[in-house]
């Protein structure tokens, strides 16, 4: 897809993503195998494609709920100010919860959401992130499952956007500004 201000170079192929989602689902399913039900909480909007693929691979009773949080706006850098734009509809008290994020960057958003959700008394809560940028971490967050570790590049595709564009790419690509 062409954009006048930047190009996109493929970083992780659609095939690689599909294979990793399948293996993550197996690991998550094994971990939560004795759960009566798993509540999968997706952080919108970037995680929606990942969650759709992940829950189709999970062979267990589950519910899906969403939160929408923002720390980027239309910028390429996190503002570090986390705002809850949409909260969960359901209760998580006493339940097993899988929190699903598209990308862990500075860690501020995940730390904020984990603290908020832990205060609601889940039985167990674990985090799965499609992408991790450990070189950008500013706060320590516990992430049990990571799809791919990536370098400090701004990425789009597979649900992840830049100013609301490029979510529909089937792969993860890095944004390269045109000079």
Protein backbone atom coordinates (compact mmCIF):
# COMPACT_ATOMS: atom_id res chain seq x y z
CA UNK A 1 0.00 0.00 0.00
CA UNK A 2 1.41 3.34 -0.97
CA UNK A 3 1.44 6.33 1.31
CA UNK A 4 2.89 9.70 0.28
CA UNK A 5 5.03 10.14 3.41
CA UNK A 6 6.43 6.70 4.13
CA UNK A 7 7.17 3.21 2.85
CA UNK A 8 6.58 -0.08 4.64
CA UNK A 9 9.14 -2.88 4.65
CA UNK A 10 7.95 -6.35 5.66
CA UNK A 11 9.43 -7.38 9.01
CA UNK A 12 7.37 -10.49 9.93
CA UNK A 13 5.47 -12.46 7.29
CA UNK A 14 1.83 -13.47 7.52
CA UNK A 15 2.93 -17.11 7.46
CA UNK A 16 5.31 -16.60 10.40
CA UNK A 17 2.58 -14.83 12.37
CA UNK A 18 0.08 -17.65 11.74
CA UNK A 19 2.57 -20.29 12.88
CA UNK A 20 3.45 -18.33 16.03
CA UNK A 21 -0.21 -17.69 16.90
CA UNK A 22 -0.85 -21.43 16.67
CA UNK A 23 2.06 -22.24 19.00
CA UNK A 24 1.08 -19.46 21.45
CA UNK A 25 -2.47 -20.83 21.61
CA UNK A 26 -1.14 -24.29 22.42
CA UNK A 27 1.06 -22.92 25.24
CA UNK A 28 -1.78 -20.79 26.61
CA UNK A 29 -4.24 -23.69 26.36
CA UNK A 30 -1.83 -25.97 28.24
CA UNK A 31 -1.29 -23.33 30.94
CA UNK A 32 -5.02 -22.71 31.49
CA UNK A 33 -6.14 -26.30 30.74
CA UNK A 34 -7.90 -26.77 34.07
CA UNK A 35 -9.86 -23.53 33.77
CA UNK A 36 -13.61 -23.68 33.80
CA UNK A 37 -13.49 -20.64 31.53
CA UNK A 38 -10.85 -18.19 30.35
CA UNK A 39 -11.65 -14.52 29.89
CA UNK A 40 -9.57 -13.12 27.04
CA UNK A 41 -9.24 -9.35 27.40
CA UNK A 42 -8.02 -7.55 24.34
CA UNK A 43 -6.57 -4.08 24.33
CA UNK A 44 -8.10 -2.23 21.41
CA UNK A 45 -7.54 -1.33 18.78
CA UNK A 46 -4.19 -2.80 17.82
CA UNK A 47 -4.83 -6.29 19.17
CA UNK A 48 -8.13 -7.05 17.41
CA UNK A 49 -6.67 -9.13 14.55
CA UNK A 50 -4.31 -10.99 16.88
CA UNK A 51 -7.15 -11.78 19.31
CA UNK A 52 -9.43 -13.01 16.53
CA UNK A 53 -6.76 -15.43 15.32
CA UNK A 54 -5.68 -16.44 18.83
CA UNK A 55 -9.15 -17.28 20.17
CA UNK A 56 -9.92 -19.37 17.08
CA UNK A 57 -6.88 -21.49 17.99
CA UNK A 58 -7.75 -21.82 21.70
CA UNK A 59 -9.59 -25.10 22.23
CA UNK A 60 -11.28 -24.27 25.54
CA UNK A 61 -14.31 -22.44 26.95
CA UNK A 62 -13.67 -18.72 26.81
CA UNK A 63 -15.21 -15.28 26.79
CA UNK A 64 -13.80 -12.27 24.99
CA UNK A 65 -13.97 -8.73 26.35
CA UNK A 66 -12.18 -5.57 25.35
CA UNK A 67 -10.67 -2.44 26.81
CA UNK A 68 -9.60 0.52 24.77
CA UNK A 69 -6.64 2.38 26.12
CA UNK A 70 -4.61 5.13 24.52
CA UNK A 71 -1.08 6.36 24.98
CA UNK A 72 -0.15 7.19 21.37
CA UNK A 73 -2.91 9.17 19.65
CA UNK A 74 -1.66 9.73 16.10
CA UNK A 75 2.00 9.97 17.10
CA UNK A 76 4.85 7.52 16.63
CA UNK A 77 5.98 7.94 20.26
CA UNK A 78 4.10 6.97 23.41
CA UNK A 79 2.87 9.95 25.43
CA UNK A 80 3.20 7.80 28.59
CA UNK A 81 -0.19 9.18 29.64
CA UNK A 82 -2.56 6.21 29.67
CA UNK A 83 -6.26 6.89 29.21
CA UNK A 84 -9.03 4.30 29.48
CA UNK A 85 -11.39 4.99 26.58
CA UNK A 86 -13.51 1.82 26.98
CA UNK A 87 -13.62 -0.40 30.05
CA UNK A 88 -14.58 -4.07 30.33
CA UNK A 89 -18.27 -4.93 30.14
CA UNK A 90 -18.00 -8.05 32.28
CA UNK A 91 -16.65 -8.91 35.70
CA UNK A 92 -13.31 -10.71 36.11
CA UNK A 93 -13.36 -11.32 39.87
CA UNK A 94 -12.38 -14.91 40.62
CA UNK A 95 -11.76 -15.68 36.93
CA UNK A 96 -8.72 -16.66 34.92
CA UNK A 97 -7.82 -13.77 32.62
CA UNK A 98 -5.57 -13.57 29.57
CA UNK A 99 -4.70 -9.97 28.78
CA UNK A 100 -3.77 -9.62 25.10
CA UNK A 101 -1.77 -6.69 23.75
CA UNK A 102 -0.42 -5.94 20.30
CA UNK A 103 2.93 -4.52 21.38
CA UNK A 104 4.81 -3.90 24.61
CA UNK A 105 6.92 -0.78 24.20
CA UNK A 106 7.72 1.42 27.21
CA UNK A 107 5.53 -0.77 29.42
CA UNK A 108 3.51 2.14 30.84
CA UNK A 109 0.22 1.10 29.23
CA UNK A 110 0.53 -2.54 30.28
CA UNK A 111 1.57 -1.61 33.82
CA UNK A 112 -1.45 0.70 34.15
CA UNK A 113 -3.89 -1.89 32.80
CA UNK A 114 -2.42 -4.75 34.89
CA UNK A 115 -2.70 -2.67 38.07
CA UNK A 116 -6.30 -1.73 37.26
CA UNK A 117 -7.37 -5.29 36.43
CA UNK A 118 -5.53 -6.86 39.40
CA UNK A 119 -7.57 -4.56 41.67
CA UNK A 120 -10.69 -6.35 40.37
CA UNK A 121 -9.62 -9.66 41.88
CA UNK A 122 -9.02 -12.15 39.06
CA UNK A 123 -8.01 -15.66 40.15
CA UNK A 124 -5.06 -15.58 37.80
CA UNK A 125 -4.06 -13.03 35.15
CA UNK A 126 -1.38 -13.52 32.52
CA UNK A 127 -0.28 -11.39 29.57
CA UNK A 128 0.28 -12.33 25.95
CA UNK A 129 1.77 -9.77 23.56
CA UNK A 130 2.23 -10.24 19.85
CA UNK A 131 5.31 -7.98 19.77
CA UNK A 132 7.87 -6.88 22.33
CA UNK A 133 10.40 -4.03 22.08
CA UNK A 134 12.56 -4.66 25.15
CA UNK A 135 15.02 -1.91 24.19
CA UNK A 136 12.26 0.65 24.81
CA UNK A 137 11.17 -0.61 28.24
CA UNK A 138 10.92 2.05 30.94
CA UNK A 139 8.91 0.10 33.52
CA UNK A 140 9.06 -3.59 34.36
CA UNK A 141 5.99 -5.57 33.28
CA UNK A 142 5.35 -9.30 33.47
CA UNK A 143 4.57 -10.79 30.06
CA UNK A 144 4.27 -14.59 30.05
CA UNK A 145 3.94 -15.06 26.27
CA UNK A 146 5.58 -13.01 23.52
CA UNK A 147 5.01 -13.65 19.86
CA UNK A 148 8.06 -11.86 18.49
CA UNK A 149 10.79 -9.65 19.89
CA UNK A 150 11.44 -6.75 17.53
CA UNK A 151 14.00 -3.95 17.31
CA UNK A 152 13.13 -0.34 18.08
CA UNK A 153 11.23 0.29 14.85
CA UNK A 154 7.79 1.78 14.33
CA UNK A 155 5.64 -1.04 12.96
CA UNK A 156 2.23 -1.43 11.33
CA UNK A 157 0.04 -4.23 10.03
CA UNK A 158 -1.87 -7.18 11.46
CA UNK A 159 -4.10 -4.77 13.38
CA UNK A 160 -1.41 -2.25 14.31
CA UNK A 161 -1.80 1.23 12.84
CA UNK A 162 -0.07 4.48 12.14
CA UNK A 163 -2.62 7.31 12.39
CA UNK A 164 -5.37 4.67 11.94
CA UNK A 165 -3.94 3.36 8.64
CA UNK A 166 -2.34 0.03 7.66
CA UNK A 167 -4.19 -2.17 10.19
CA UNK A 168 -5.32 -4.37 7.28
CA UNK A 169 -1.85 -5.48 6.19
CA UNK A 170 -1.53 -9.27 6.66
CA UNK A 171 2.08 -8.94 7.86
CA UNK A 172 4.03 -6.76 10.32
CA UNK A 173 5.98 -4.07 8.51
CA UNK A 174 8.31 -1.34 9.64
CA UNK A 175 7.54 2.22 8.68
CA UNK A 176 10.31 3.96 6.78
CA UNK A 177 9.75 7.71 6.37
CA UNK A 178 10.48 9.05 2.91
CA UNK A 179 13.18 11.69 2.70
